[in-house]
C-alpha atoms as a PDB file:
ATOM      1  CA  MET A   1      32.357  40.083 147.360  1.00  0.00           C
ATOM      2  CA  LYS A   2      29.634  39.907 144.705  1.00  0.00           C
ATOM      3  CA  ASN A   3      29.767  40.046 140.867  1.00  0.00           C
ATOM      4  CA  ARG A   4      32.728  41.994 140.846  1.00  0.00           C
ATOM      5  CA  GLU A   5      35.511  42.302 137.897  1.00  0.00           C
ATOM      6  CA  PRO A   6      38.355  39.986 138.464  1.00  0.00           C
ATOM      7  CA  THR A   7      41.577  42.021 139.790  1.00  0.00           C
ATOM      8  CA  ARG A   8      45.139  41.132 139.569  1.00  0.00           C
ATOM      9  CA  ARG A   9      46.449  38.372 142.098  1.00  0.00           C
ATOM     10  CA  VAL A  10      48.238  39.883 144.908  1.00  0.00           C
ATOM     11  CA  LYS A  11      49.818  37.611 147.408  1.00  0.00           C
ATOM     12  CA  GLY A  12      50.710  38.206 151.074  1.00  0.00           C
ATOM     13  CA  ARG A  13      48.341  41.322 151.552  1.00  0.00           C
ATOM     14  CA  ALA A  14      45.606  41.189 154.249  1.00  0.00           C
ATOM     15  CA  GLY A  15      43.224  43.660 155.799  1.00  0.00           C
ATOM     16  CA  THR A  16      44.996  45.211 159.038  1.00  0.00           C
ATOM     17  CA  ALA A  17      43.994  47.518 161.649  1.00  0.00           C
ATOM     18  CA  ASP A  18      45.191  50.374 159.452  1.00  0.00           C
ATOM     19  CA  ASP A  19      43.710  49.124 156.505  1.00  0.00           C
ATOM     20  CA  GLN A  20      40.189  48.985 158.225  1.00  0.00           C
ATOM     21  CA  SER A  21      40.354  52.317 160.112  1.00  0.00           C
ATOM     22  CA  SER A  22      41.290  54.053 156.884  1.00  0.00           C
ATOM     23  CA  ALA A  23      38.351  52.747 154.714  1.00  0.00           C
ATOM     24  CA  PRO A  24      35.478  55.151 154.424  1.00  0.00           C
ATOM     25  CA  ARG A  25      32.573  54.461 157.068  1.00  0.00           C
ATOM     26  CA  PRO A  26      29.084  54.892 157.336  1.00  0.00           C
ATOM     27  CA  PRO A  27      27.848  57.252 159.983  1.00  0.00           C
ATOM     28  CA  SER A  28      28.106  55.742 163.188  1.00  0.00           C
ATOM     29  CA  THR A  29      25.811  55.547 166.171  1.00  0.00           C
ATOM     30  CA  SER A  30      25.880  56.942 169.584  1.00  0.00           C
ATOM     31  CA  VAL A  31      27.467  53.775 170.910  1.00  0.00           C
ATOM     32  CA  PRO A  32      31.235  54.026 170.861  1.00  0.00           C
ATOM     33  CA  ARG A  33      32.940  51.539 168.036  1.00  0.00           C
ATOM     34  CA  PRO A  34      35.508  49.112 169.767  1.00  0.00           C
ATOM     35  CA  PRO A  35      38.604  49.227 168.164  1.00  0.00           C
ATOM     36  CA  PRO A  36      39.072  46.884 165.087  1.00  0.00           C
ATOM     37  CA  PRO A  37      40.796  43.378 165.358  1.00  0.00           C
ATOM     38  CA  VAL A  38      44.543  43.345 164.310  1.00  0.00           C
ATOM     39  CA  LEU A  39      44.995  40.800 161.397  1.00  0.00           C
ATOM     40  CA  GLY A  40      47.934  38.864 160.475  1.00  0.00           C
ATOM     41  CA  PRO A  41      50.075  39.180 157.428  1.00  0.00           C
ATOM     42  CA  ARG A  42      46.960  37.785 155.199  1.00  0.00           C
ATOM     43  CA  SER A  43      44.385  36.212 157.415  1.00  0.00           C
ATOM     44  CA  ALA A  44      43.377  36.207 161.249  1.00  0.00           C
ATOM     45  CA  VAL A  45      42.050  33.804 163.291  1.00  0.00           C
ATOM     46  CA  LEU A  46      39.953  36.207 165.739  1.00  0.00           C
ATOM     47  CA  GLY A  47      40.583  34.113 168.887  1.00  0.00           C
ATOM     48  CA  LEU A  48      38.351  31.372 170.566  1.00  0.00           C
ATOM     49  CA  GLN A  49      35.619  32.277 172.547  1.00  0.00           C
ATOM     50  CA  SER A  50      33.496  30.262 174.898  1.00  0.00           C
ATOM     51  CA  SER A  51      30.585  31.305 176.960  1.00  0.00           C
ATOM     52  CA  ALA A  52      27.592  29.636 179.012  1.00  0.00           C
ATOM     53  CA  LEU A  53      24.377  31.148 177.636  1.00  0.00           C
ATOM     54  CA  ARG A  54      22.303  31.406 181.068  1.00  0.00           C
ATOM     55  CA  PRO A  55      20.231  29.822 181.614  1.00  0.00           C
ATOM     56  CA  LEU A  56      20.995  27.424 178.904  1.00  0.00           C
ATOM     57  CA  PRO A  57      22.939  24.495 180.286  1.00  0.00           C
ATOM     58  CA  SER A  58      24.670  23.777 177.067  1.00  0.00           C
ATOM     59  CA  ARG A  59      27.917  25.607 176.015  1.00  0.00           C
ATOM     60  CA  LEU A  60      28.812  27.294 172.932  1.00  0.00           C
ATOM     61  CA  SER A  61      32.576  27.357 171.534  1.00  0.00           C
ATOM     62  CA  SER A  62      33.351  29.461 168.478  1.00  0.00           C
ATOM     63  CA  ALA A  63      35.896  30.242 166.374  1.00  0.00           C
ATOM     64  CA  GLU A  64      36.471  32.104 163.135  1.00  0.00           C
ATOM     65  CA  LEU A  65      38.856  32.822 160.388  1.00  0.00           C
ATOM     66  CA  THR A  66      38.979  35.164 157.368  1.00  0.00           C
ATOM     67  CA  ASP A  67      41.345  35.477 154.521  1.00  0.00           C
ATOM     68  CA  ILE A  68      41.427  37.771 151.409  1.00  0.00           C
ATOM     69  CA  GLY A  69      41.935  34.940 149.208  1.00  0.00           C
ATOM     70  CA  LEU A  70      44.663  34.856 146.296  1.00  0.00           C
ATOM     71  CA  CYS A  71      42.820  36.981 144.079  1.00  0.00           C
ATOM     72  CA  ARG A  72      41.542  40.112 145.849  1.00  0.00           C
ATOM     73  CA  GLU A  73      43.218  43.211 146.842  1.00  0.00           C
ATOM     74  CA  ASN A  74      40.828  43.961 149.651  1.00  0.00           C
ATOM     75  CA  ASN A  75      38.701  41.847 152.354  1.00  0.00           C
ATOM     76  CA  GLU A  76      35.075  42.601 152.029  1.00  0.00           C
ATOM     77  CA  ASP A  77      33.954  40.164 154.514  1.00  0.00           C
ATOM     78  CA  ALA A  78      33.155  40.823 158.067  1.00  0.00           C
ATOM     79  CA  VAL A  79      32.607  38.251 160.987  1.00  0.00           C
ATOM     80  CA  LEU A  80      31.205  38.708 164.606  1.00  0.00           C
ATOM     81  CA  ARG A  81      30.658  36.785 167.508  1.00  0.00           C
ATOM     82  CA  LEU A  82      28.567  37.718 170.400  1.00  0.00           C
ATOM     83  CA  PRO A  83      28.611  34.498 172.519  1.00  0.00           C
ATOM     84  CA  GLY A  84      27.160  35.954 175.505  1.00  0.00           C
ATOM     85  CA  ARG A  85      24.212  36.585 173.486  1.00  0.00           C
ATOM     86  CA  GLY A  86      24.215  33.569 171.545  1.00  0.00           C
ATOM     87  CA  VAL A  87      24.648  35.333 168.471  1.00  0.00           C
ATOM     88  CA  PHE A  88      27.094  34.961 165.606  1.00  0.00           C
ATOM     89  CA  CYS A  89      27.078  36.620 162.273  1.00  0.00           C
ATOM     90  CA  VAL A  90      29.024  36.609 158.725  1.00  0.00           C
ATOM     91  CA  ALA A  91      28.472  39.094 155.947  1.00  0.00           C
ATOM     92  CA  ASP A  92      30.163  39.514 152.635  1.00  0.00           C
ATOM     93  CA  GLY A  93      30.268  43.015 151.196  1.00  0.00           C
ATOM     94  CA  MET A  94      29.811  44.033 147.521  1.00  0.00           C
ATOM     95  CA  GLY A  95      30.571  47.563 145.929  1.00  0.00           C
ATOM     96  CA  GLY A  96      34.499  47.484 145.824  1.00  0.00           C
ATOM     97  CA  ALA A  97      36.797  48.932 148.367  1.00  0.00           C
ATOM     98  CA  GLU A  98      34.563  51.982 149.058  1.00  0.00           C
ATOM     99  CA  GLY A  99      31.264  50.012 149.352  1.00  0.00           C
ATOM    100  CA  GLY A 100      31.945  46.394 150.231  1.00  0.00           C
ATOM    101  CA  GLU A 101      34.102  46.629 153.168  1.00  0.00           C
ATOM    102  CA  VAL A 102      32.013  49.598 154.551  1.00  0.00           C
ATOM    103  CA  ALA A 103      28.831  47.767 153.859  1.00  0.00           C
ATOM    104  CA  SER A 104      29.880  44.603 155.891  1.00  0.00           C
ATOM    105  CA  ARG A 105      31.456  46.100 158.601  1.00  0.00           C
ATOM    106  CA  ALA A 106      28.554  48.542 159.292  1.00  0.00           C
ATOM    107  CA  ILE A 107      26.199  45.176 159.758  1.00  0.00           C
ATOM    108  CA  ALA A 108      28.932  43.648 162.164  1.00  0.00           C
ATOM    109  CA  ASP A 109      28.981  47.090 164.163  1.00  0.00           C
ATOM    110  CA  ALA A 110      25.337  47.491 164.299  1.00  0.00           C
ATOM    111  CA  LEU A 111      24.781  44.123 165.838  1.00  0.00           C
ATOM    112  CA  ARG A 112      27.632  44.519 168.127  1.00  0.00           C
ATOM    113  CA  GLN A 113      26.060  47.844 169.259  1.00  0.00           C
ATOM    114  CA  THR A 114      22.385  47.083 169.098  1.00  0.00           C
ATOM    115  CA  PHE A 115      23.123  43.878 171.545  1.00  0.00           C
ATOM    116  CA  ALA A 116      25.546  45.855 173.699  1.00  0.00           C
ATOM    117  CA  ALA A 117      22.738  48.497 174.438  1.00  0.00           C
ATOM    118  CA  ALA A 118      20.023  46.379 175.003  1.00  0.00           C
ATOM    119  CA  ARG A 119      19.083  44.115 177.900  1.00  0.00           C
ATOM    120  CA  ALA A 120      19.781  40.442 177.330  1.00  0.00           C
ATOM    121  CA  PRO A 121      17.176  38.809 175.313  1.00  0.00           C
ATOM    122  CA  ARG A 122      14.902  36.294 177.070  1.00  0.00           C
ATOM    123  CA  THR A 123      13.415  34.816 174.184  1.00  0.00           C
ATOM    124  CA  LEU A 124      14.567  33.650 170.713  1.00  0.00           C
ATOM    125  CA  ALA A 125      12.053  36.092 169.309  1.00  0.00           C
ATOM    126  CA  ALA A 126      13.395  38.840 170.979  1.00  0.00           C
ATOM    127  CA  SER A 127      16.855  38.210 169.776  1.00  0.00           C
ATOM    128  CA  ALA A 128      15.598  37.928 166.335  1.00  0.00           C
ATOM    129  CA  ARG A 129      13.925  41.258 166.480  1.00  0.00           C
ATOM    130  CA  LEU A 130      17.183  43.022 167.634  1.00  0.00           C
ATOM    131  CA  ALA A 131      19.021  41.402 165.087  1.00  0.00           C
ATOM    132  CA  ALA A 132      16.519  42.391 162.244  1.00  0.00           C
ATOM    133  CA  ALA A 133      16.469  45.982 163.567  1.00  0.00           C
ATOM    134  CA  ALA A 134      20.266  46.163 163.717  1.00  0.00           C
ATOM    135  CA  VAL A 135      20.509  44.922 160.082  1.00  0.00           C
ATOM    136  CA  ASP A 136      17.927  47.399 159.026  1.00  0.00           C
ATOM    137  CA  ALA A 137      19.834  50.274 160.766  1.00  0.00           C
ATOM    138  CA  ALA A 138      22.752  49.175 159.076  1.00  0.00           C
ATOM    139  CA  GLY A 139      21.014  49.242 155.687  1.00  0.00           C
ATOM    140  CA  ARG A 140      20.141  52.700 156.063  1.00  0.00           C
ATOM    141  CA  ALA A 141      23.366  53.747 156.960  1.00  0.00           C
ATOM    142  CA  ILE A 142      24.872  51.895 154.028  1.00  0.00           C
ATOM    143  CA  LYS A 143      22.846  53.344 151.467  1.00  0.00           C
ATOM    144  CA  ALA A 144      22.983  56.861 152.890  1.00  0.00           C
ATOM    145  CA  PHE A 145      26.777  56.550 152.514  1.00  0.00           C
ATOM    146  CA  ALA A 146      26.566  55.208 149.193  1.00  0.00           C
ATOM    147  CA  ASP A 147      24.183  57.933 148.028  1.00  0.00           C
ATOM    148  CA  ALA A 148      26.436  60.836 149.685  1.00  0.00           C
ATOM    149  CA  ARG A 149      29.369  59.725 147.612  1.00  0.00           C
ATOM    150  CA  GLY A 150      27.234  58.874 144.498  1.00  0.00           C
ATOM    151  CA  PHE A 151      28.072  55.497 143.859  1.00  0.00           C
ATOM    152  CA  SER A 152      25.653  52.579 143.544  1.00  0.00           C
ATOM    153  CA  GLY A 153      25.576  48.971 144.190  1.00  0.00           C
ATOM    154  CA  ALA A 154      27.082  49.163 147.875  1.00  0.00           C
ATOM    155  CA  GLY A 155      25.715  46.426 149.907  1.00  0.00           C
ATOM    156  CA  SER A 156      26.367  42.964 151.808  1.00  0.00           C
ATOM    157  CA  THR A 157      25.066  39.683 152.393  1.00  0.00           C
ATOM    158  CA  VAL A 158      24.128  38.912 156.076  1.00  0.00           C
ATOM    159  CA  LEU A 159      23.830  35.699 157.944  1.00  0.00           C
ATOM    160  CA  VAL A 160      22.861  35.535 161.741  1.00  0.00           C
ATOM    161  CA  LEU A 161      22.619  32.303 163.848  1.00  0.00           C
ATOM    162  CA  ALA A 162      20.853  33.113 167.144  1.00  0.00           C
ATOM    163  CA  PHE A 163      20.403  30.674 169.905  1.00  0.00           C
ATOM    164  CA  ASP A 164      17.684  30.567 172.085  1.00  0.00           C
ATOM    165  CA  PRO A 165      18.206  31.929 175.436  1.00  0.00           C
ATOM    166  CA  ALA A 166      15.860  29.728 177.150  1.00  0.00           C
ATOM    167  CA  ASP A 167      15.341  26.800 175.520  1.00  0.00           C
ATOM    168  CA  PRO A 168      18.834  25.089 174.228  1.00  0.00           C
ATOM    169  CA  ALA A 169      17.221  22.905 171.842  1.00  0.00           C
ATOM    170  CA  ARG A 170      16.519  25.801 169.734  1.00  0.00           C
ATOM    171  CA  ALA A 171      18.330  28.339 167.350  1.00  0.00           C
ATOM    172  CA  LEU A 172      16.903  30.771 164.256  1.00  0.00           C
ATOM    173  CA  LEU A 173      19.017  31.713 161.262  1.00  0.00           C
ATOM    174  CA  LEU A 174      18.198  35.079 159.705  1.00  0.00           C
ATOM    175  CA  HIS A 175      19.822  35.879 156.265  1.00  0.00           C
ATOM    176  CA  ALA A 176      19.825  37.708 152.982  1.00  0.00           C
ATOM    177  CA  GLY A 177      21.861  36.642 150.140  1.00  0.00           C
ATOM    178  CA  ASP A 178      24.267  33.835 149.470  1.00  0.00           C
ATOM    179  CA  SER A 179      26.261  33.373 152.935  1.00  0.00           C
ATOM    180  CA  ARG A 180      25.418  29.773 154.117  1.00  0.00           C
ATOM    181  CA  ALA A 181      24.857  28.126 157.215  1.00  0.00           C
ATOM    182  CA  TYR A 182      25.428  24.377 157.716  1.00  0.00           C
ATOM    183  CA  ARG A 183      25.044  21.925 160.707  1.00  0.00           C
ATOM    184  CA  PHE A 184      27.378  18.950 161.000  1.00  0.00           C
ATOM    185  CA  ARG A 185      25.643  16.194 163.264  1.00  0.00           C
ATOM    186  CA  ALA A 186      26.553  12.443 163.595  1.00  0.00           C
ATOM    187  CA  GLY A 187      28.861  12.799 160.516  1.00  0.00           C
ATOM    188  CA  ARG A 188      26.265  14.399 157.952  1.00  0.00           C
ATOM    189  CA  LEU A 189      26.692  18.002 156.898  1.00  0.00           C
ATOM    190  CA  LEU A 190      23.007  19.293 156.340  1.00  0.00           C
ATOM    191  CA  ALA A 191      22.897  22.886 154.567  1.00  0.00           C
ATOM    192  CA  LEU A 192      20.492  25.041 156.538  1.00  0.00           C
ATOM    193  CA  THR A 193      19.808  27.807 154.203  1.00  0.00           C
ATOM    194  CA  ARG A 194      18.880  28.681 150.672  1.00  0.00           C
ATOM    195  CA  ASP A 195      20.770  31.042 148.665  1.00  0.00           C
ATOM    196  CA  HIS A 196      19.378  34.370 147.492  1.00  0.00           C
ATOM    197  CA  SER A 197      20.759  34.293 143.972  1.00  0.00           C
ATOM    198  CA  LEU A 198      19.924  34.497 140.373  1.00  0.00           C
ATOM    199  CA  ALA A 199      21.212  30.883 139.842  1.00  0.00           C
ATOM    200  CA  ALA A 200      19.105  29.510 142.618  1.00  0.00           C
ATOM    201  CA  ALA A 201      16.092  31.554 141.587  1.00  0.00           C
ATOM    202  CA  LEU A 202      16.170  29.822 138.307  1.00  0.00           C
ATOM    203  CA  GLY A 203      17.009  26.232 139.766  1.00  0.00           C
ATOM    204  CA  LEU A 204      20.240  25.967 138.448  1.00  0.00           C
ATOM    205  CA  ALA A 205      23.984  25.543 139.532  1.00  0.00           C
ATOM    206  CA  GLU A 206      26.447  28.932 139.342  1.00  0.00           C
ATOM    207  CA  LYS A 207      28.401  27.043 136.762  1.00  0.00           C
ATOM    208  CA  GLU A 208      25.262  26.558 134.634  1.00  0.00           C
ATOM    209  CA  ILE A 209      24.552  30.166 134.202  1.00  0.00           C
ATOM    210  CA  PRO A 210      26.431  32.552 131.848  1.00  0.00           C
ATOM    211  CA  ALA A 211      29.757  33.790 133.922  1.00  0.00           C
ATOM    212  CA  ARG A 212      28.515  37.416 133.818  1.00  0.00           C
ATOM    213  CA  TYR A 213      25.609  36.656 135.984  1.00  0.00           C
ATOM    214  CA  SER A 214      27.340  34.230 138.520  1.00  0.00           C
ATOM    215  CA  GLY A 215      27.287  35.636 142.024  1.00  0.00           C
ATOM    216  CA  VAL A 216      24.543  37.694 141.453  1.00  0.00           C
ATOM    217  CA  ILE A 217      22.240  37.842 144.681  1.00  0.00           C
ATOM    218  CA  THR A 218      18.584  38.880 144.690  1.00  0.00           C
ATOM    219  CA  ARG A 219      18.355  39.891 148.286  1.00  0.00           C
ATOM    220  CA  ALA A 220      21.175  42.104 150.221  1.00  0.00           C
ATOM    221  CA  VAL A 221      21.331  44.740 152.856  1.00  0.00           C
ATOM    222  CA  GLY A 222      22.088  48.220 151.857  1.00  0.00           C
ATOM    223  CA  LEU A 223      20.150  48.426 148.508  1.00  0.00           C
ATOM    224  CA  GLY A 224      16.950  49.991 150.493  1.00  0.00           C
ATOM    225  CA  ASP A 225      15.676  51.128 153.872  1.00  0.00           C
ATOM    226  CA  HIS A 226      14.372  47.457 154.665  1.00  0.00           C
ATOM    227  CA  VAL A 227      15.602  44.116 153.695  1.00  0.00           C
ATOM    228  CA  GLU A 228      13.327  40.974 154.025  1.00  0.00           C
ATOM    229  CA  LEU A 229      15.404  38.617 156.281  1.00  0.00           C
ATOM    230  CA  GLU A 230      14.617  34.883 155.776  1.00  0.00           C
ATOM    231  CA  GLU A 231      14.155  33.188 159.113  1.00  0.00           C
ATOM    232  CA  THR A 232      14.971  29.385 159.425  1.00  0.00           C
ATOM    233  CA  PRO A 233      14.569  27.411 162.474  1.00  0.00           C
ATOM    234  CA  ALA A 234      17.193  24.990 163.430  1.00  0.00           C
ATOM    235  CA  ASP A 235      17.075  22.189 166.320  1.00  0.00           C
ATOM    236  CA  VAL A 236      20.097  21.708 168.501  1.00  0.00           C
ATOM    237  CA  LEU A 237      21.994  18.999 169.793  1.00  0.00           C
ATOM    238  CA  PRO A 238      24.863  18.293 172.313  1.00  0.00           C
ATOM    239  CA  GLY A 239      27.964  17.667 169.898  1.00  0.00           C
ATOM    240  CA  ASP A 240      26.413  19.782 167.093  1.00  0.00           C
ATOM    241  CA  LEU A 241      28.544  22.077 165.096  1.00  0.00           C
ATOM    242  CA  PHE A 242      27.273  24.956 163.190  1.00  0.00           C
ATOM    243  CA  LEU A 243      29.333  26.345 160.146  1.00  0.00           C
ATOM    244  CA  LEU A 244      28.650  29.833 158.804  1.00  0.00           C
ATOM    245  CA  CYS A 245      30.585  30.881 155.615  1.00  0.00           C
ATOM    246  CA  THR A 246      30.888  33.251 152.617  1.00  0.00           C
ATOM    247  CA  ASP A 247      30.540  31.854 149.271  1.00  0.00           C
ATOM    248  CA  GLY A 248      34.501  32.166 149.024  1.00  0.00           C
ATOM    249  CA  LEU A 249      34.296  28.642 150.581  1.00  0.00           C
ATOM    250  CA  THR A 250      31.025  27.439 148.970  1.00  0.00           C
ATOM    251  CA  LYS A 251      31.804  27.801 145.451  1.00  0.00           C
ATOM    252  CA  THR A 252      35.490  26.352 145.336  1.00  0.00           C
ATOM    253  CA  VAL A 253      34.636  23.079 148.214  1.00  0.00           C
ATOM    254  CA  SER A 254      31.748  21.067 147.503  1.00  0.00           C
ATOM    255  CA  ASP A 255      29.310  20.344 150.350  1.00  0.00           C
ATOM    256  CA  ARG A 256      30.566  16.583 149.908  1.00  0.00           C
ATOM    257  CA  ARG A 257      34.231  17.916 150.443  1.00  0.00           C
ATOM    258  CA  LEU A 258      33.261  19.851 153.334  1.00  0.00           C
ATOM    259  CA  GLN A 259      31.316  16.893 154.945  1.00  0.00           C
ATOM    260  CA  ASN A 260      34.758  14.692 154.458  1.00  0.00           C
ATOM    261  CA  LEU A 261      36.951  17.613 155.826  1.00  0.00           C
ATOM    262  CA  LEU A 262      34.806  17.696 159.010  1.00  0.00           C
ATOM    263  CA  ARG A 263      34.451  14.145 159.472  1.00  0.00           C
ATOM    264  CA  LYS A 264      38.373  13.626 159.362  1.00  0.00           C
ATOM    265  CA  ARG A 265      38.800  16.664 161.785  1.00  0.00           C
ATOM    266  CA  LEU A 266      35.575  15.953 163.850  1.00  0.00           C
ATOM    267  CA  ASP A 267      37.896  16.286 167.381  1.00  0.00           C
ATOM    268  CA  ALA A 268      40.179  19.034 166.003  1.00  0.00           C
ATOM    269  CA  ALA A 269      40.177  22.559 167.970  1.00  0.00           C
ATOM    270  CA  LEU A 270      37.930  24.841 166.339  1.00  0.00           C
ATOM    271  CA  PRO A 271      40.919  27.327 165.057  1.00  0.00           C
ATOM    272  CA  ASP A 272      42.763  24.379 163.557  1.00  0.00           C
ATOM    273  CA  LEU A 273      39.089  23.091 161.914  1.00  0.00           C
ATOM    274  CA  ALA A 274      38.537  26.746 160.683  1.00  0.00           C
ATOM    275  CA  ARG A 275      42.125  26.757 159.205  1.00  0.00           C
ATOM    276  CA  ALA A 276      41.556  23.562 157.266  1.00  0.00           C
ATOM    277  CA  LEU A 277      38.289  24.970 155.582  1.00  0.00           C
ATOM    278  CA  VAL A 278      39.807  28.035 154.347  1.00  0.00           C
ATOM    279  CA  ASP A 279      43.135  26.333 153.033  1.00  0.00           C
ATOM    280  CA  ALA A 280      40.754  23.746 151.262  1.00  0.00           C
ATOM    281  CA  ALA A 281      39.340  26.955 149.511  1.00  0.00           C
ATOM    282  CA  LEU A 282      42.760  28.470 148.924  1.00  0.00           C
ATOM    283  CA  ALA A 283      43.941  25.212 147.287  1.00  0.00           C
ATOM    284  CA  ALA A 284      40.964  25.215 145.238  1.00  0.00           C
ATOM    285  CA  GLY A 285      41.951  28.529 143.881  1.00  0.00           C
ATOM    286  CA  GLY A 286      41.199  31.245 146.430  1.00  0.00           C
ATOM    287  CA  TYR A 287      39.123  33.404 143.756  1.00  0.00           C
ATOM    288  CA  ASP A 288      37.539  35.552 146.488  1.00  0.00           C
ATOM    289  CA  ASN A 289      37.553  36.439 150.188  1.00  0.00           C
ATOM    290  CA  VAL A 290      36.770  33.508 152.217  1.00  0.00           C
ATOM    291  CA  SER A 291      35.432  33.503 155.954  1.00  0.00           C
ATOM    292  CA  VAL A 292      34.295  30.708 158.229  1.00  0.00           C
ATOM    293  CA  LEU A 293      32.668  30.740 161.559  1.00  0.00           C
ATOM    294  CA  LEU A 294      32.195  27.679 163.561  1.00  0.00           C
ATOM    295  CA  VAL A 295      29.960  27.275 166.674  1.00  0.00           C
ATOM    296  CA  ARG A 296      30.238  23.977 168.798  1.00  0.00           C
ATOM    297  CA  VAL A 297      27.593  22.996 171.250  1.00  0.00           C
ATOM    298  CA  SER A 298      28.481  21.048 173.869  1.00  0.00           C
END
């Protein structure tokens, strides 16, 4: 969630299947939407998925965890995995229950529907084009949804990781906003993306700017008919671990702390590792929704 007024602390409440289905949604496309995942009492590990990406000789395993946090009444994060297409995404909505949840979910739905309807991409460029088209379609739907209801500010960050279906040594990140991507290799955690935020534009840390400007992002999906996605290439080696996350993790857990957590749990199962990362954010205050998505290359 972005730049929102604090709400009262609510314990033990999570997005459930009923919560998600009852939220207002932007107009759907002609591709049927699959039923939403059923979440647990506060958070949900949405399974471990593994898929060989032919003709890639490498194998991708992934896991995710999303948590409402300790101070929010609703979860405006969305996470998507399409391992058969080598595509993974996190999105962090803004605009409250009537905007943020709808916005982030619209992005996940658009990506799922777009890749389901298209032939499997044969190149990384083709995957990137599909992802960008899906994000723009979601942005138009979000804007139309907000305009029709007379409220402004609905939007979402987006972060997409796409692996090259032809070259196992290449991947591409596309993002807008302050959701981050990292690569953990040989014991070292490297940030792969840069925040599109007011603080980053000023060359300052979030804690160095006035509180009312903290969390303000300079690029988001849904504020116009098109959003410019920053593209960041990434090289890929067997043994790499990619981390995609919303700012509910990065604003409470430092990069150094994340690196140490990953070093200590290098051989852990991915769902357990995702749980450890989210628990670190909750132990540090859990001020926002927190979502992590892990992809391991073998």
